[in-house]
């Protein structure tokens, strides 16, 4: 499960960068670039905290 979430996070980051590059090169319009960046940002914010969560150690549960 964590591997799938990491892949989703990476793809989302790449999509954010790619949308800017494609807009800069004139391959997509500003509206398309904004839509791709928005969807990828939402995907990144959903997927990343799920696999980057802190692990609970036994010393913290005792305190």
N, C-alpha and C. Protein backbone atom coordinates (compact mmCIF):
# COMPACT_ATOMS: atom_id res chain seq x y z
N UNK A 1 0.82 -1.20 0.00
CA UNK A 1 0.00 0.00 0.00
C UNK A 1 0.86 1.26 0.00
N UNK A 2 1.91 1.27 0.84
CA UNK A 2 2.76 2.45 0.89
C UNK A 2 3.45 2.70 -0.44
N UNK A 3 3.82 1.63 -1.13
CA UNK A 3 4.48 1.79 -2.43
C UNK A 3 3.54 2.47 -3.42
N UNK A 4 2.28 2.07 -3.43
CA UNK A 4 1.31 2.70 -4.32
C UNK A 4 1.15 4.19 -4.01
N UNK A 5 1.10 4.52 -2.73
CA UNK A 5 0.97 5.93 -2.33
C UNK A 5 2.20 6.73 -2.71
N UNK A 6 3.38 6.13 -2.59
CA UNK A 6 4.61 6.83 -3.00
C UNK A 6 4.62 7.08 -4.50
N UNK A 7 4.15 6.11 -5.27
CA UNK A 7 4.10 6.27 -6.72
C UNK A 7 3.11 7.37 -7.09
N UNK A 8 1.95 7.39 -6.43
CA UNK A 8 0.97 8.45 -6.69
C UNK A 8 1.56 9.82 -6.36
N UNK A 9 2.28 9.92 -5.24
CA UNK A 9 2.91 11.19 -4.86
C UNK A 9 3.93 11.64 -5.90
N UNK A 10 4.74 10.71 -6.35
CA UNK A 10 5.76 11.05 -7.35
C UNK A 10 5.12 11.48 -8.67
N UNK A 11 4.13 10.75 -9.11
CA UNK A 11 3.45 11.10 -10.36
C UNK A 11 2.79 12.47 -10.24
N UNK A 12 2.20 12.76 -9.09
CA UNK A 12 1.57 14.07 -8.88
C UNK A 12 2.60 15.19 -8.95
N UNK A 13 3.75 14.99 -8.31
CA UNK A 13 4.80 16.02 -8.38
C UNK A 13 5.29 16.22 -9.80
N UNK A 14 5.47 15.12 -10.51
CA UNK A 14 5.91 15.22 -11.91
C UNK A 14 4.86 15.93 -12.76
N UNK A 15 3.59 15.69 -12.49
CA UNK A 15 2.53 16.36 -13.24
C UNK A 15 2.52 17.86 -12.98
N UNK A 16 2.79 18.23 -11.74
CA UNK A 16 2.84 19.66 -11.40
C UNK A 16 3.96 20.35 -12.19
N UNK A 17 5.11 19.73 -12.20
CA UNK A 17 6.25 20.31 -12.92
C UNK A 17 6.00 20.28 -14.43
N UNK A 18 5.49 19.17 -14.91
CA UNK A 18 5.25 19.02 -16.35
C UNK A 18 4.23 20.03 -16.86
N UNK A 19 3.20 20.30 -16.07
CA UNK A 19 2.20 21.27 -16.52
C UNK A 19 2.82 22.65 -16.72
N UNK A 20 3.70 23.05 -15.82
CA UNK A 20 4.39 24.33 -15.98
C UNK A 20 5.30 24.37 -17.18
N UNK A 21 6.02 23.28 -17.38
CA UNK A 21 6.94 23.21 -18.53
C UNK A 21 6.16 23.22 -19.84
N UNK A 22 5.07 22.45 -19.90
CA UNK A 22 4.25 22.43 -21.12
C UNK A 22 3.65 23.80 -21.41
N UNK A 23 3.24 24.52 -20.38
CA UNK A 23 2.72 25.87 -20.59
C UNK A 23 3.81 26.80 -21.07
N UNK A 24 4.98 26.70 -20.48
CA UNK A 24 6.11 27.54 -20.87
C UNK A 24 6.48 27.32 -22.35
N UNK A 25 6.40 26.08 -22.79
CA UNK A 25 6.74 25.75 -24.18
C UNK A 25 5.61 26.05 -25.14
N UNK A 26 4.43 26.41 -24.62
CA UNK A 26 3.30 26.75 -25.48
C UNK A 26 2.49 25.55 -25.93
N UNK A 27 2.69 24.40 -25.30
CA UNK A 27 1.99 23.18 -25.70
C UNK A 27 0.58 23.10 -25.14
N UNK A 28 0.32 23.79 -24.03
CA UNK A 28 -1.02 23.80 -23.42
C UNK A 28 -1.39 25.23 -23.05
N UNK A 29 -2.69 25.46 -22.93
CA UNK A 29 -3.15 26.79 -22.53
C UNK A 29 -3.02 26.96 -21.02
N UNK A 30 -3.20 28.18 -20.59
CA UNK A 30 -3.10 28.47 -19.16
C UNK A 30 -4.19 27.75 -18.37
N UNK A 31 -5.38 27.64 -18.93
CA UNK A 31 -6.48 26.96 -18.24
C UNK A 31 -6.17 25.48 -18.04
N UNK A 32 -5.61 24.84 -19.06
CA UNK A 32 -5.25 23.42 -18.96
C UNK A 32 -4.14 23.24 -17.94
N UNK A 33 -3.15 24.11 -17.98
CA UNK A 33 -2.04 24.04 -17.02
C UNK A 33 -2.55 24.18 -15.60
N UNK A 34 -3.45 25.11 -15.36
CA UNK A 34 -4.01 25.31 -14.02
C UNK A 34 -4.81 24.10 -13.56
N UNK A 35 -5.56 23.51 -14.47
CA UNK A 35 -6.37 22.35 -14.12
C UNK A 35 -5.49 21.15 -13.75
N UNK A 36 -4.46 20.91 -14.55
CA UNK A 36 -3.53 19.81 -14.26
C UNK A 36 -2.83 20.05 -12.93
N UNK A 37 -2.35 21.25 -12.73
CA UNK A 37 -1.64 21.57 -11.49
C UNK A 37 -2.56 21.44 -10.27
N UNK A 38 -3.80 21.86 -10.39
CA UNK A 38 -4.74 21.77 -9.27
C UNK A 38 -5.04 20.31 -8.92
N UNK A 39 -5.34 19.50 -9.92
CA UNK A 39 -5.65 18.09 -9.68
C UNK A 39 -4.44 17.37 -9.10
N UNK A 40 -3.26 17.64 -9.64
CA UNK A 40 -2.04 17.00 -9.14
C UNK A 40 -1.72 17.46 -7.71
N UNK A 41 -1.96 18.71 -7.40
CA UNK A 41 -1.72 19.21 -6.05
C UNK A 41 -2.64 18.53 -5.04
N UNK A 42 -3.90 18.41 -5.40
CA UNK A 42 -4.85 17.74 -4.52
C UNK A 42 -4.44 16.28 -4.31
N UNK A 43 -4.06 15.61 -5.39
CA UNK A 43 -3.62 14.21 -5.28
C UNK A 43 -2.40 14.10 -4.38
N UNK A 44 -1.46 15.02 -4.52
CA UNK A 44 -0.25 14.98 -3.70
C UNK A 44 -0.59 15.19 -2.22
N UNK A 45 -1.45 16.17 -1.93
CA UNK A 45 -1.80 16.44 -0.54
C UNK A 45 -2.61 15.31 0.10
N UNK A 46 -3.30 14.54 -0.69
CA UNK A 46 -4.04 13.39 -0.14
C UNK A 46 -3.11 12.20 0.06
N UNK A 47 -2.27 11.90 -0.93
CA UNK A 47 -1.45 10.68 -0.90
C UNK A 47 -0.24 10.78 0.02
N UNK A 48 0.43 11.89 0.03
CA UNK A 48 1.70 11.99 0.74
C UNK A 48 1.60 11.84 2.25
N UNK A 49 0.66 12.49 2.93
CA UNK A 49 0.59 12.29 4.39
C UNK A 49 0.30 10.85 4.80
N UNK A 50 -0.33 10.10 3.91
CA UNK A 50 -0.66 8.71 4.25
C UNK A 50 0.58 7.82 4.36
N UNK A 51 1.62 8.12 3.57
CA UNK A 51 2.81 7.28 3.67
C UNK A 51 3.94 7.96 4.43
N UNK A 52 3.84 9.26 4.69
CA UNK A 52 4.89 9.95 5.43
C UNK A 52 4.57 10.11 6.90
N UNK A 53 3.53 9.45 7.37
CA UNK A 53 3.15 9.57 8.77
C UNK A 53 4.25 9.06 9.68
N UNK A 54 4.31 9.61 10.87
CA UNK A 54 5.33 9.19 11.84
C UNK A 54 4.99 7.84 12.42
N UNK A 55 6.01 7.03 12.59
CA UNK A 55 5.84 5.73 13.22
C UNK A 55 5.78 5.92 14.74
N UNK A 56 4.91 5.21 15.42
CA UNK A 56 4.82 5.28 16.87
C UNK A 56 5.84 4.34 17.47
N UNK A 57 6.67 4.85 18.33
CA UNK A 57 7.65 4.00 19.02
C UNK A 57 7.09 3.62 20.37
N UNK A 58 7.64 2.56 20.95
CA UNK A 58 7.13 2.08 22.25
C UNK A 58 7.43 3.07 23.37
N UNK A 59 8.51 3.85 23.26
CA UNK A 59 8.85 4.80 24.31
C UNK A 59 7.85 5.94 24.37
N UNK A 60 7.26 6.33 23.24
CA UNK A 60 6.29 7.40 23.25
C UNK A 60 4.97 6.95 23.85
N UNK A 61 4.62 5.69 23.66
CA UNK A 61 3.35 5.22 24.20
C UNK A 61 3.42 5.02 25.71
N UNK A 62 4.62 4.88 26.27
CA UNK A 62 4.78 4.71 27.70
C UNK A 62 4.69 6.04 28.45
N UNK A 63 5.01 7.13 27.79
CA UNK A 63 5.07 8.44 28.46
C UNK A 63 3.73 9.00 28.76
